[in-house]
């Protein structure tokens, strides 16, 4: 067995820390950027809060124009949600509520546009 020093990445999760402040943290920012690029959402809005309180989703918010429908047809909805679930399980449990409220497998892609 060989000592390779301190770990910096494991399963796509970056490990960072500061021994002087006794701090250790995990981030998946590079994985999230990769997922956004794969699903053509790299220019999406970013924020500190994954979902505002009181947001109600409905079919009225589904895409209506041909351009919006075409954009959605090129993105596999279930794969996008699965990629987000990996982030929820590993480092971002705070977005679980938003994901649970956005994802409805019976609606197929109707709510994906909102993600």
PDB file of N, CA and C in Angstrom:
ATOM      1  N   UNK A   1       0.841  -1.155   0.000  1.00  0.00           N
ATOM      2  CA  UNK A   1       0.000   0.000   0.000  1.00  0.00           C
ATOM      3  C   UNK A   1       0.901   1.237   0.000  1.00  0.00           C
ATOM      4  N   UNK A   2       0.467   2.281  -0.700  1.00  0.00           N
ATOM      5  CA  UNK A   2       1.282   3.477  -0.867  1.00  0.00           C
ATOM      6  C   UNK A   2       0.513   4.708  -0.387  1.00  0.00           C
ATOM      7  N   UNK A   3       1.154   5.534   0.407  1.00  0.00           N
ATOM      8  CA  UNK A   3       0.527   6.786   0.865  1.00  0.00           C
ATOM      9  C   UNK A   3       0.600   7.807  -0.252  1.00  0.00           C
ATOM     10  N   UNK A   4      -0.551   8.252  -0.726  1.00  0.00           N
ATOM     11  CA  UNK A   4      -0.606   9.213  -1.832  1.00  0.00           C
ATOM     12  C   UNK A   4      -0.939  10.614  -1.344  1.00  0.00           C
ATOM     13  N   UNK A   5      -0.854  10.832  -0.054  1.00  0.00           N
ATOM     14  CA  UNK A   5      -1.130  12.155   0.493  1.00  0.00           C
ATOM     15  C   UNK A   5      -2.613  12.345   0.777  1.00  0.00           C
ATOM     16  N   UNK A   6      -2.967  13.581   1.059  1.00  0.00           N
ATOM     17  CA  UNK A   6      -4.366  13.890   1.370  1.00  0.00           C
ATOM     18  C   UNK A   6      -5.226  13.796   0.120  1.00  0.00           C
ATOM     19  N   UNK A   7      -6.420  13.282   0.292  1.00  0.00           N
ATOM     20  CA  UNK A   7      -7.360  13.188  -0.824  1.00  0.00           C
ATOM     21  C   UNK A   7      -7.889  14.574  -1.170  1.00  0.00           C
ATOM     22  N   UNK A   8      -8.056  14.834  -2.471  1.00  0.00           N
ATOM     23  CA  UNK A   8      -8.635  16.107  -2.879  1.00  0.00           C
ATOM     24  C   UNK A   8      -9.963  15.904  -3.611  1.00  0.00           C
ATOM     25  N   UNK A   9     -10.156  14.744  -4.236  1.00  0.00           N
ATOM     26  CA  UNK A   9     -11.404  14.403  -4.915  1.00  0.00           C
ATOM     27  C   UNK A   9     -11.745  12.952  -4.638  1.00  0.00           C
ATOM     28  N   UNK A  10     -13.029  12.672  -4.505  1.00  0.00           N
ATOM     29  CA  UNK A  10     -13.501  11.297  -4.405  1.00  0.00           C
ATOM     30  C   UNK A  10     -14.907  11.239  -4.990  1.00  0.00           C
ATOM     31  N   UNK A  11     -15.101  10.386  -5.983  1.00  0.00           N
ATOM     32  CA  UNK A  11     -16.391  10.224  -6.663  1.00  0.00           C
ATOM     33  C   UNK A  11     -16.949  11.551  -7.170  1.00  0.00           C
ATOM     34  N   UNK A  12     -16.075  12.409  -7.680  1.00  0.00           N
ATOM     35  CA  UNK A  12     -16.510  13.690  -8.218  1.00  0.00           C
ATOM     36  C   UNK A  12     -16.804  14.754  -7.175  1.00  0.00           C
ATOM     37  N   UNK A  13     -16.495  14.463  -5.935  1.00  0.00           N
ATOM     38  CA  UNK A  13     -16.740  15.410  -4.844  1.00  0.00           C
ATOM     39  C   UNK A  13     -15.396  15.981  -4.403  1.00  0.00           C
ATOM     40  N   UNK A  14     -15.265  17.298  -4.437  1.00  0.00           N
ATOM     41  CA  UNK A  14     -14.027  17.939  -4.017  1.00  0.00           C
ATOM     42  C   UNK A  14     -14.013  18.063  -2.497  1.00  0.00           C
ATOM     43  N   UNK A  15     -12.885  17.699  -1.916  1.00  0.00           N
ATOM     44  CA  UNK A  15     -12.689  17.801  -0.474  1.00  0.00           C
ATOM     45  C   UNK A  15     -11.763  18.984  -0.226  1.00  0.00           C
ATOM     46  N   UNK A  16     -12.185  19.890   0.615  1.00  0.00           N
ATOM     47  CA  UNK A  16     -11.331  21.039   0.923  1.00  0.00           C
ATOM     48  C   UNK A  16     -11.332  21.275   2.424  1.00  0.00           C
ATOM     49  N   UNK A  17     -10.299  21.919   2.886  1.00  0.00           N
ATOM     50  CA  UNK A  17     -10.221  22.160   4.318  1.00  0.00           C
ATOM     51  C   UNK A  17      -9.146  23.170   4.679  1.00  0.00           C
ATOM     52  N   UNK A  18      -9.211  23.592   5.905  1.00  0.00           N
ATOM     53  CA  UNK A  18      -8.245  24.532   6.460  1.00  0.00           C
ATOM     54  C   UNK A  18      -7.957  24.048   7.882  1.00  0.00           C
ATOM     55  N   UNK A  19      -6.794  23.446   8.053  1.00  0.00           N
ATOM     56  CA  UNK A  19      -6.450  22.870   9.360  1.00  0.00           C
ATOM     57  C   UNK A  19      -6.361  23.931  10.454  1.00  0.00           C
ATOM     58  N   UNK A  20      -5.888  25.134  10.103  1.00  0.00           N
ATOM     59  CA  UNK A  20      -5.743  26.180  11.120  1.00  0.00           C
ATOM     60  C   UNK A  20      -7.104  26.609  11.684  1.00  0.00           C
ATOM     61  N   UNK A  21      -8.145  26.561  10.850  1.00  0.00           N
ATOM     62  CA  UNK A  21      -9.498  26.927  11.310  1.00  0.00           C
ATOM     63  C   UNK A  21     -10.329  25.696  11.654  1.00  0.00           C
ATOM     64  N   UNK A  22      -9.697  24.500  11.552  1.00  0.00           N
ATOM     65  CA  UNK A  22     -10.375  23.234  11.833  1.00  0.00           C
ATOM     66  C   UNK A  22     -11.650  23.099  10.998  1.00  0.00           C
ATOM     67  N   UNK A  23     -11.495  23.325   9.703  1.00  0.00           N
ATOM     68  CA  UNK A  23     -12.626  23.305   8.787  1.00  0.00           C
ATOM     69  C   UNK A  23     -12.409  22.216   7.728  1.00  0.00           C
ATOM     70  N   UNK A  24     -13.473  21.498   7.416  1.00  0.00           N
ATOM     71  CA  UNK A  24     -13.464  20.490   6.369  1.00  0.00           C
ATOM     72  C   UNK A  24     -14.772  20.629   5.604  1.00  0.00           C
ATOM     73  N   UNK A  25     -14.698  20.592   4.284  1.00  0.00           N
ATOM     74  CA  UNK A  25     -15.919  20.751   3.500  1.00  0.00           C
ATOM     75  C   UNK A  25     -15.906  19.910   2.238  1.00  0.00           C
ATOM     76  N   UNK A  26     -17.076  19.758   1.658  1.00  0.00           N
ATOM     77  CA  UNK A  26     -17.268  19.021   0.415  1.00  0.00           C
ATOM     78  C   UNK A  26     -18.016  19.910  -0.567  1.00  0.00           C
ATOM     79  N   UNK A  27     -17.679  19.798  -1.833  1.00  0.00           N
ATOM     80  CA  UNK A  27     -18.408  20.537  -2.856  1.00  0.00           C
ATOM     81  C   UNK A  27     -18.479  19.714  -4.135  1.00  0.00           C
ATOM     82  N   UNK A  28     -19.552  19.889  -4.861  1.00  0.00           N
ATOM     83  CA  UNK A  28     -19.727  19.226  -6.146  1.00  0.00           C
ATOM     84  C   UNK A  28     -19.875  20.255  -7.257  1.00  0.00           C
ATOM     85  N   UNK A  29     -19.277  21.417  -7.108  1.00  0.00           N
ATOM     86  CA  UNK A  29     -19.460  22.490  -8.079  1.00  0.00           C
ATOM     87  C   UNK A  29     -19.035  22.081  -9.485  1.00  0.00           C
ATOM     88  N   UNK A  30     -17.936  21.333  -9.624  1.00  0.00           N
ATOM     89  CA  UNK A  30     -17.514  20.923 -10.967  1.00  0.00           C
ATOM     90  C   UNK A  30     -18.509  19.918 -11.561  1.00  0.00           C
ATOM     91  N   UNK A  31     -19.056  19.025 -10.735  1.00  0.00           N
ATOM     92  CA  UNK A  31     -20.068  18.077 -11.222  1.00  0.00           C
ATOM     93  C   UNK A  31     -21.335  18.821 -11.647  1.00  0.00           C
ATOM     94  N   UNK A  32     -21.739  19.793 -10.857  1.00  0.00           N
ATOM     95  CA  UNK A  32     -22.942  20.561 -11.172  1.00  0.00           C
ATOM     96  C   UNK A  32     -22.748  21.325 -12.482  1.00  0.00           C
ATOM     97  N   UNK A  33     -21.581  21.931 -12.673  1.00  0.00           N
ATOM     98  CA  UNK A  33     -21.286  22.639 -13.928  1.00  0.00           C
ATOM     99  C   UNK A  33     -21.345  21.669 -15.111  1.00  0.00           C
ATOM    100  N   UNK A  34     -20.808  20.466 -14.925  1.00  0.00           N
ATOM    101  CA  UNK A  34     -20.828  19.453 -15.981  1.00  0.00           C
ATOM    102  C   UNK A  34     -22.270  19.053 -16.329  1.00  0.00           C
ATOM    103  N   UNK A  35     -23.085  18.840 -15.308  1.00  0.00           N
ATOM    104  CA  UNK A  35     -24.490  18.473 -15.531  1.00  0.00           C
ATOM    105  C   UNK A  35     -25.227  19.598 -16.258  1.00  0.00           C
ATOM    106  N   UNK A  36     -25.011  20.838 -15.840  1.00  0.00           N
ATOM    107  CA  UNK A  36     -25.656  21.971 -16.504  1.00  0.00           C
ATOM    108  C   UNK A  36     -25.262  22.051 -17.973  1.00  0.00           C
ATOM    109  N   UNK A  37     -24.006  21.768 -18.266  1.00  0.00           N
ATOM    110  CA  UNK A  37     -23.548  21.788 -19.655  1.00  0.00           C
ATOM    111  C   UNK A  37     -24.184  20.652 -20.453  1.00  0.00           C
ATOM    112  N   UNK A  38     -24.223  19.465 -19.880  1.00  0.00           N
ATOM    113  CA  UNK A  38     -24.815  18.315 -20.569  1.00  0.00           C
ATOM    114  C   UNK A  38     -26.269  18.588 -20.935  1.00  0.00           C
ATOM    115  N   UNK A  39     -27.017  19.201 -20.022  1.00  0.00           N
ATOM    116  CA  UNK A  39     -28.434  19.453 -20.259  1.00  0.00           C
ATOM    117  C   UNK A  39     -28.706  20.857 -20.797  1.00  0.00           C
ATOM    118  N   UNK A  40     -27.650  21.498 -21.305  1.00  0.00           N
ATOM    119  CA  UNK A  40     -27.755  22.805 -21.971  1.00  0.00           C
ATOM    120  C   UNK A  40     -28.409  23.860 -21.079  1.00  0.00           C
ATOM    121  N   UNK A  41     -28.004  23.874 -19.818  1.00  0.00           N
ATOM    122  CA  UNK A  41     -28.557  24.830 -18.861  1.00  0.00           C
ATOM    123  C   UNK A  41     -27.458  25.669 -18.211  1.00  0.00           C
ATOM    124  N   UNK A  42     -26.305  25.762 -18.874  1.00  0.00           N
ATOM    125  CA  UNK A  42     -25.179  26.467 -18.266  1.00  0.00           C
ATOM    126  C   UNK A  42     -25.430  27.961 -18.079  1.00  0.00           C
ATOM    127  N   UNK A  43     -26.443  28.506 -18.730  1.00  0.00           N
ATOM    128  CA  UNK A  43     -26.771  29.928 -18.580  1.00  0.00           C
ATOM    129  C   UNK A  43     -28.001  30.139 -17.699  1.00  0.00           C
ATOM    130  N   UNK A  44     -28.370  29.120 -16.940  1.00  0.00           N
ATOM    131  CA  UNK A  44     -29.555  29.226 -16.083  1.00  0.00           C
ATOM    132  C   UNK A  44     -29.279  30.140 -14.895  1.00  0.00           C
ATOM    133  N   UNK A  45     -30.363  30.578 -14.255  1.00  0.00           N
ATOM    134  CA  UNK A  45     -30.231  31.450 -13.089  1.00  0.00           C
ATOM    135  C   UNK A  45     -29.600  30.684 -11.937  1.00  0.00           C
ATOM    136  N   UNK A  46     -28.787  31.378 -11.173  1.00  0.00           N
ATOM    137  CA  UNK A  46     -28.161  30.794  -9.994  1.00  0.00           C
ATOM    138  C   UNK A  46     -28.641  31.587  -8.789  1.00  0.00           C
ATOM    139  N   UNK A  47     -28.711  30.954  -7.664  1.00  0.00           N
ATOM    140  CA  UNK A  47     -29.144  31.648  -6.457  1.00  0.00           C
ATOM    141  C   UNK A  47     -28.734  30.891  -5.209  1.00  0.00           C
ATOM    142  N   UNK A  48     -28.913  31.537  -4.095  1.00  0.00           N
ATOM    143  CA  UNK A  48     -28.565  30.917  -2.821  1.00  0.00           C
ATOM    144  C   UNK A  48     -29.660  29.981  -2.329  1.00  0.00           C
ATOM    145  N   UNK A  49     -30.892  30.237  -2.738  1.00  0.00           N
ATOM    146  CA  UNK A  49     -32.020  29.437  -2.279  1.00  0.00           C
ATOM    147  C   UNK A  49     -32.573  28.631  -3.440  1.00  0.00           C
ATOM    148  N   UNK A  50     -32.672  27.304  -3.288  1.00  0.00           N
ATOM    149  CA  UNK A  50     -33.129  26.473  -4.391  1.00  0.00           C
ATOM    150  C   UNK A  50     -34.594  26.676  -4.770  1.00  0.00           C
ATOM    151  N   UNK A  51     -35.434  27.112  -3.827  1.00  0.00           N
ATOM    152  CA  UNK A  51     -36.852  27.303  -4.139  1.00  0.00           C
ATOM    153  C   UNK A  51     -37.448  28.291  -3.150  1.00  0.00           C
ATOM    154  N   UNK A  52     -38.069  29.321  -3.675  1.00  0.00           N
ATOM    155  CA  UNK A  52     -38.706  30.299  -2.798  1.00  0.00           C
ATOM    156  C   UNK A  52     -39.913  29.681  -2.102  1.00  0.00           C
ATOM    157  N   UNK A  53     -40.173  30.131  -0.901  1.00  0.00           N
ATOM    158  CA  UNK A  53     -41.325  29.661  -0.145  1.00  0.00           C
ATOM    159  C   UNK A  53     -42.611  30.106  -0.841  1.00  0.00           C
ATOM    160  N   UNK A  54     -43.572  29.220  -0.923  1.00  0.00           N
ATOM    161  CA  UNK A  54     -44.872  29.566  -1.481  1.00  0.00           C
ATOM    162  C   UNK A  54     -44.994  29.412  -2.983  1.00  0.00           C
ATOM    163  N   UNK A  55     -43.974  28.903  -3.660  1.00  0.00           N
ATOM    164  CA  UNK A  55     -44.037  28.715  -5.110  1.00  0.00           C
ATOM    165  C   UNK A  55     -44.973  27.556  -5.411  1.00  0.00           C
ATOM    166  N   UNK A  56     -45.915  27.783  -6.278  1.00  0.00           N
ATOM    167  CA  UNK A  56     -46.850  26.734  -6.697  1.00  0.00           C
ATOM    168  C   UNK A  56     -46.621  26.440  -8.172  1.00  0.00           C
ATOM    169  N   UNK A  57     -46.482  25.186  -8.509  1.00  0.00           N
ATOM    170  CA  UNK A  57     -46.269  24.783  -9.892  1.00  0.00           C
ATOM    171  C   UNK A  57     -47.582  24.317 -10.502  1.00  0.00           C
ATOM    172  N   UNK A  58     -47.756  24.630 -11.774  1.00  0.00           N
ATOM    173  CA  UNK A  58     -48.961  24.190 -12.461  1.00  0.00           C
ATOM    174  C   UNK A  58     -48.653  23.970 -13.936  1.00  0.00           C
ATOM    175  N   UNK A  59     -49.584  23.355 -14.644  1.00  0.00           N
ATOM    176  CA  UNK A  59     -49.404  23.131 -16.077  1.00  0.00           C
ATOM    177  C   UNK A  59     -49.401  24.440 -16.857  1.00  0.00           C
ATOM    178  N   UNK A  60     -49.923  25.505 -16.254  1.00  0.00           N
ATOM    179  CA  UNK A  60     -49.902  26.808 -16.920  1.00  0.00           C
ATOM    180  C   UNK A  60     -48.472  27.298 -17.144  1.00  0.00           C
ATOM    181  N   UNK A  61     -47.538  26.804 -16.327  1.00  0.00           N
ATOM    182  CA  UNK A  61     -46.140  27.200 -16.448  1.00  0.00           C
ATOM    183  C   UNK A  61     -45.379  26.345 -17.456  1.00  0.00           C
ATOM    184  N   UNK A  62     -46.038  25.361 -18.027  1.00  0.00           N
ATOM    185  CA  UNK A  62     -45.394  24.492 -19.004  1.00  0.00           C
ATOM    186  C   UNK A  62     -45.082  25.274 -20.271  1.00  0.00           C
ATOM    187  N   UNK A  63     -44.124  24.801 -21.059  1.00  0.00           N
ATOM    188  CA  UNK A  63     -43.770  25.505 -22.288  1.00  0.00           C
ATOM    189  C   UNK A  63     -44.932  25.545 -23.265  1.00  0.00           C
ATOM    190  N   UNK A  64     -45.030  26.661 -23.961  1.00  0.00           N
ATOM    191  CA  UNK A  64     -46.133  26.843 -24.900  1.00  0.00           C
ATOM    192  C   UNK A  64     -45.659  27.089 -26.325  1.00  0.00           C
ATOM    193  N   UNK A  65     -44.552  27.787 -26.476  1.00  0.00           N
ATOM    194  CA  UNK A  65     -44.077  28.110 -27.818  1.00  0.00           C
ATOM    195  C   UNK A  65     -43.379  26.906 -28.430  1.00  0.00           C
ATOM    196  N   UNK A  66     -43.303  26.909 -29.751  1.00  0.00           N
ATOM    197  CA  UNK A  66     -42.617  25.819 -30.449  1.00  0.00           C
ATOM    198  C   UNK A  66     -41.147  25.748 -30.056  1.00  0.00           C
ATOM    199  N   UNK A  67     -40.532  26.896 -29.828  1.00  0.00           N
ATOM    200  CA  UNK A  67     -39.120  26.939 -29.442  1.00  0.00           C
ATOM    201  C   UNK A  67     -38.910  26.275 -28.077  1.00  0.00           C
ATOM    202  N   UNK A  68     -39.778  26.570 -27.123  1.00  0.00           N
ATOM    203  CA  UNK A  68     -39.669  25.969 -25.789  1.00  0.00           C
ATOM    204  C   UNK A  68     -39.899  24.456 -25.852  1.00  0.00           C
ATOM    205  N   UNK A  69     -40.886  24.035 -26.625  1.00  0.00           N
ATOM    206  CA  UNK A  69     -41.174  22.601 -26.753  1.00  0.00           C
ATOM    207  C   UNK A  69     -40.022  21.869 -27.429  1.00  0.00           C
ATOM    208  N   UNK A  70     -39.424  22.487 -28.456  1.00  0.00           N
ATOM    209  CA  UNK A  70     -38.298  21.867 -29.147  1.00  0.00           C
ATOM    210  C   UNK A  70     -37.103  21.731 -28.204  1.00  0.00           C
ATOM    211  N   UNK A  71     -36.844  22.770 -27.412  1.00  0.00           N
ATOM    212  CA  UNK A  71     -35.723  22.735 -26.462  1.00  0.00           C
ATOM    213  C   UNK A  71     -35.909  21.591 -25.463  1.00  0.00           C
ATOM    214  N   UNK A  72     -37.124  21.421 -24.970  1.00  0.00           N
ATOM    215  CA  UNK A  72     -37.394  20.371 -23.994  1.00  0.00           C
ATOM    216  C   UNK A  72     -37.293  18.978 -24.590  1.00  0.00           C
ATOM    217  N   UNK A  73     -37.680  18.833 -25.849  1.00  0.00           N
ATOM    218  CA  UNK A  73     -37.664  17.505 -26.460  1.00  0.00           C
ATOM    219  C   UNK A  73     -36.248  16.958 -26.615  1.00  0.00           C
ATOM    220  N   UNK A  74     -35.251  17.827 -26.575  1.00  0.00           N
ATOM    221  CA  UNK A  74     -33.861  17.399 -26.715  1.00  0.00           C
ATOM    222  C   UNK A  74     -33.191  17.082 -25.378  1.00  0.00           C
ATOM    223  N   UNK A  75     -33.895  17.235 -24.277  1.00  0.00           N
ATOM    224  CA  UNK A  75     -33.305  17.032 -22.962  1.00  0.00           C
ATOM    225  C   UNK A  75     -34.050  15.908 -22.236  1.00  0.00           C
ATOM    226  N   UNK A  76     -33.349  14.835 -21.886  1.00  0.00           N
ATOM    227  CA  UNK A  76     -34.005  13.732 -21.180  1.00  0.00           C
ATOM    228  C   UNK A  76     -34.331  14.113 -19.729  1.00  0.00           C
ATOM    229  N   UNK A  77     -35.588  14.315 -19.483  1.00  0.00           N
ATOM    230  CA  UNK A  77     -36.083  14.800 -18.196  1.00  0.00           C
ATOM    231  C   UNK A  77     -35.653  13.914 -17.028  1.00  0.00           C
ATOM    232  N   UNK A  78     -35.887  12.611 -17.131  1.00  0.00           N
ATOM    233  CA  UNK A  78     -35.563  11.700 -16.029  1.00  0.00           C
ATOM    234  C   UNK A  78     -34.057  11.693 -15.745  1.00  0.00           C
ATOM    235  N   UNK A  79     -33.226  11.785 -16.761  1.00  0.00           N
ATOM    236  CA  UNK A  79     -31.771  11.819 -16.566  1.00  0.00           C
ATOM    237  C   UNK A  79     -31.345  13.097 -15.849  1.00  0.00           C
ATOM    238  N   UNK A  80     -31.963  14.204 -16.206  1.00  0.00           N
ATOM    239  CA  UNK A  80     -31.649  15.477 -15.542  1.00  0.00           C
ATOM    240  C   UNK A  80     -32.003  15.405 -14.063  1.00  0.00           C
ATOM    241  N   UNK A  81     -33.170  14.879 -13.759  1.00  0.00           N
ATOM    242  CA  UNK A  81     -33.605  14.757 -12.368  1.00  0.00           C
ATOM    243  C   UNK A  81     -32.703  13.784 -11.612  1.00  0.00           C
ATOM    244  N   UNK A  82     -32.310  12.687 -12.243  1.00  0.00           N
ATOM    245  CA  UNK A  82     -31.407  11.730 -11.613  1.00  0.00           C
ATOM    246  C   UNK A  82     -30.053  12.345 -11.287  1.00  0.00           C
ATOM    247  N   UNK A  83     -29.553  13.183 -12.178  1.00  0.00           N
ATOM    248  CA  UNK A  83     -28.280  13.866 -11.928  1.00  0.00           C
ATOM    249  C   UNK A  83     -28.388  14.811 -10.743  1.00  0.00           C
ATOM    250  N   UNK A  84     -29.529  15.474 -10.628  1.00  0.00           N
ATOM    251  CA  UNK A  84     -29.745  16.374  -9.494  1.00  0.00           C
ATOM    252  C   UNK A  84     -29.888  15.573  -8.203  1.00  0.00           C
ATOM    253  N   UNK A  85     -30.522  14.414  -8.280  1.00  0.00           N
ATOM    254  CA  UNK A  85     -30.677  13.569  -7.089  1.00  0.00           C
ATOM    255  C   UNK A  85     -29.325  13.126  -6.540  1.00  0.00           C
ATOM    256  N   UNK A  86     -28.358  12.886  -7.407  1.00  0.00           N
ATOM    257  CA  UNK A  86     -27.013  12.517  -6.943  1.00  0.00           C
ATOM    258  C   UNK A  86     -26.419  13.647  -6.101  1.00  0.00           C
ATOM    259  N   UNK A  87     -26.603  14.873  -6.542  1.00  0.00           N
ATOM    260  CA  UNK A  87     -26.109  16.030  -5.793  1.00  0.00           C
ATOM    261  C   UNK A  87     -26.834  16.122  -4.449  1.00  0.00           C
ATOM    262  N   UNK A  88     -28.139  15.902  -4.455  1.00  0.00           N
ATOM    263  CA  UNK A  88     -28.926  15.950  -3.215  1.00  0.00           C
ATOM    264  C   UNK A  88     -28.397  14.921  -2.216  1.00  0.00           C
ATOM    265  N   UNK A  89     -28.152  13.715  -2.679  1.00  0.00           N
ATOM    266  CA  UNK A  89     -27.706  12.643  -1.788  1.00  0.00           C
ATOM    267  C   UNK A  89     -26.315  12.885  -1.224  1.00  0.00           C
ATOM    268  N   UNK A  90     -25.443  13.515  -1.997  1.00  0.00           N
ATOM    269  CA  UNK A  90     -24.042  13.656  -1.570  1.00  0.00           C
ATOM    270  C   UNK A  90     -23.757  14.926  -0.782  1.00  0.00           C
ATOM    271  N   UNK A  91     -24.152  16.078  -1.303  1.00  0.00           N
ATOM    272  CA  UNK A  91     -23.704  17.320  -0.670  1.00  0.00           C
ATOM    273  C   UNK A  91     -24.756  18.413  -0.537  1.00  0.00           C
ATOM    274  N   UNK A  92     -25.917  18.267  -1.165  1.00  0.00           N
ATOM    275  CA  UNK A  92     -26.887  19.360  -1.137  1.00  0.00           C
ATOM    276  C   UNK A  92     -28.286  18.899  -0.709  1.00  0.00           C
ATOM    277  N   UNK A  93     -28.441  18.438   0.518  1.00  0.00           N
ATOM    278  CA  UNK A  93     -29.769  18.016   0.965  1.00  0.00           C
ATOM    279  C   UNK A  93     -30.762  19.176   0.994  1.00  0.00           C
ATOM    280  N   UNK A  94     -30.269  20.405   0.986  1.00  0.00           N
ATOM    281  CA  UNK A  94     -31.155  21.572   1.009  1.00  0.00           C
ATOM    282  C   UNK A  94     -31.989  21.712  -0.253  1.00  0.00           C
ATOM    283  N   UNK A  95     -31.601  21.074  -1.355  1.00  0.00           N
ATOM    284  CA  UNK A  95     -32.402  21.194  -2.572  1.00  0.00           C
ATOM    285  C   UNK A  95     -33.379  20.031  -2.745  1.00  0.00           C
ATOM    286  N   UNK A  96     -33.435  19.136  -1.762  1.00  0.00           N
ATOM    287  CA  UNK A  96     -34.343  17.986  -1.849  1.00  0.00           C
ATOM    288  C   UNK A  96     -35.799  18.433  -1.942  1.00  0.00           C
ATOM    289  N   UNK A  97     -36.173  19.430  -1.174  1.00  0.00           N
ATOM    290  CA  UNK A  97     -37.560  19.913  -1.196  1.00  0.00           C
ATOM    291  C   UNK A  97     -37.929  20.427  -2.585  1.00  0.00           C
ATOM    292  N   UNK A  98     -37.059  21.221  -3.166  1.00  0.00           N
ATOM    293  CA  UNK A  98     -37.334  21.762  -4.496  1.00  0.00           C
ATOM    294  C   UNK A  98     -37.441  20.645  -5.525  1.00  0.00           C
ATOM    295  N   UNK A  99     -36.545  19.686  -5.468  1.00  0.00           N
ATOM    296  CA  UNK A  99     -36.574  18.581  -6.421  1.00  0.00           C
ATOM    297  C   UNK A  99     -37.846  17.763  -6.267  1.00  0.00           C
ATOM    298  N   UNK A 100     -38.229  17.494  -5.037  1.00  0.00           N
ATOM    299  CA  UNK A 100     -39.446  16.711  -4.784  1.00  0.00           C
ATOM    300  C   UNK A 100     -40.680  17.426  -5.339  1.00  0.00           C
ATOM    301  N   UNK A 101     -40.696  18.751  -5.241  1.00  0.00           N
ATOM    302  CA  UNK A 101     -41.849  19.496  -5.725  1.00  0.00           C
ATOM    303  C   UNK A 101     -41.836  19.714  -7.229  1.00  0.00           C
ATOM    304  N   UNK A 102     -40.661  19.693  -7.843  1.00  0.00           N
ATOM    305  CA  UNK A 102     -40.575  19.874  -9.300  1.00  0.00           C
ATOM    306  C   UNK A 102     -40.786  18.577 -10.056  1.00  0.00           C
ATOM    307  N   UNK A 103     -40.341  17.466  -9.491  1.00  0.00           N
ATOM    308  CA  UNK A 103     -40.337  16.213 -10.232  1.00  0.00           C
ATOM    309  C   UNK A 103     -41.656  15.471 -10.081  1.00  0.00           C
ATOM    310  N   UNK A 104     -42.249  15.146 -11.200  1.00  0.00           N
ATOM    311  CA  UNK A 104     -43.442  14.324 -11.229  1.00  0.00           C
ATOM    312  C   UNK A 104     -43.302  13.398 -12.427  1.00  0.00           C
ATOM    313  N   UNK A 105     -42.985  12.117 -12.220  1.00  0.00           N
ATOM    314  CA  UNK A 105     -42.744  11.222 -13.354  1.00  0.00           C
ATOM    315  C   UNK A 105     -43.956  11.049 -14.249  1.00  0.00           C
ATOM    316  N   UNK A 106     -45.148  11.326 -13.758  1.00  0.00           N
ATOM    317  CA  UNK A 106     -46.350  11.187 -14.571  1.00  0.00           C
ATOM    318  C   UNK A 106     -46.523  12.336 -15.562  1.00  0.00           C
ATOM    319  N   UNK A 107     -45.878  13.453 -15.295  1.00  0.00           N
ATOM    320  CA  UNK A 107     -46.017  14.598 -16.185  1.00  0.00           C
ATOM    321  C   UNK A 107     -44.955  14.621 -17.275  1.00  0.00           C
ATOM    322  N   UNK A 108     -44.054  13.624 -17.260  1.00  0.00           N
ATOM    323  CA  UNK A 108     -42.958  13.561 -18.211  1.00  0.00           C
ATOM    324  C   UNK A 108     -42.160  14.854 -18.177  1.00  0.00           C
ATOM    325  N   UNK A 109     -42.199  15.664 -19.240  1.00  0.00           N
ATOM    326  CA  UNK A 109     -41.340  16.834 -19.320  1.00  0.00           C
ATOM    327  C   UNK A 109     -42.074  18.149 -19.071  1.00  0.00           C
ATOM    328  N   UNK A 110     -43.298  18.128 -18.632  1.00  0.00           N
ATOM    329  CA  UNK A 110     -44.050  19.377 -18.535  1.00  0.00           C
ATOM    330  C   UNK A 110     -43.458  20.346 -17.539  1.00  0.00           C
ATOM    331  N   UNK A 111     -42.859  19.852 -16.460  1.00  0.00           N
ATOM    332  CA  UNK A 111     -42.313  20.757 -15.473  1.00  0.00           C
ATOM    333  C   UNK A 111     -40.822  20.981 -15.622  1.00  0.00           C
ATOM    334  N   UNK A 112     -40.172  20.260 -16.534  1.00  0.00           N
ATOM    335  CA  UNK A 112     -38.727  20.380 -16.671  1.00  0.00           C
ATOM    336  C   UNK A 112     -38.305  21.802 -17.024  1.00  0.00           C
ATOM    337  N   UNK A 113     -39.102  22.466 -17.809  1.00  0.00           N
ATOM    338  CA  UNK A 113     -38.754  23.818 -18.250  1.00  0.00           C
ATOM    339  C   UNK A 113     -38.533  24.739 -17.054  1.00  0.00           C
ATOM    340  N   UNK A 114     -39.253  24.492 -15.969  1.00  0.00           N
ATOM    341  CA  UNK A 114     -39.146  25.312 -14.769  1.00  0.00           C
ATOM    342  C   UNK A 114     -37.812  25.072 -14.079  1.00  0.00           C
ATOM    343  N   UNK A 115     -37.292  23.828 -14.132  1.00  0.00           N
ATOM    344  CA  UNK A 115     -35.990  23.530 -13.536  1.00  0.00           C
ATOM    345  C   UNK A 115     -34.955  24.397 -14.165  1.00  0.00           C
TER     346      UNK A 115
END
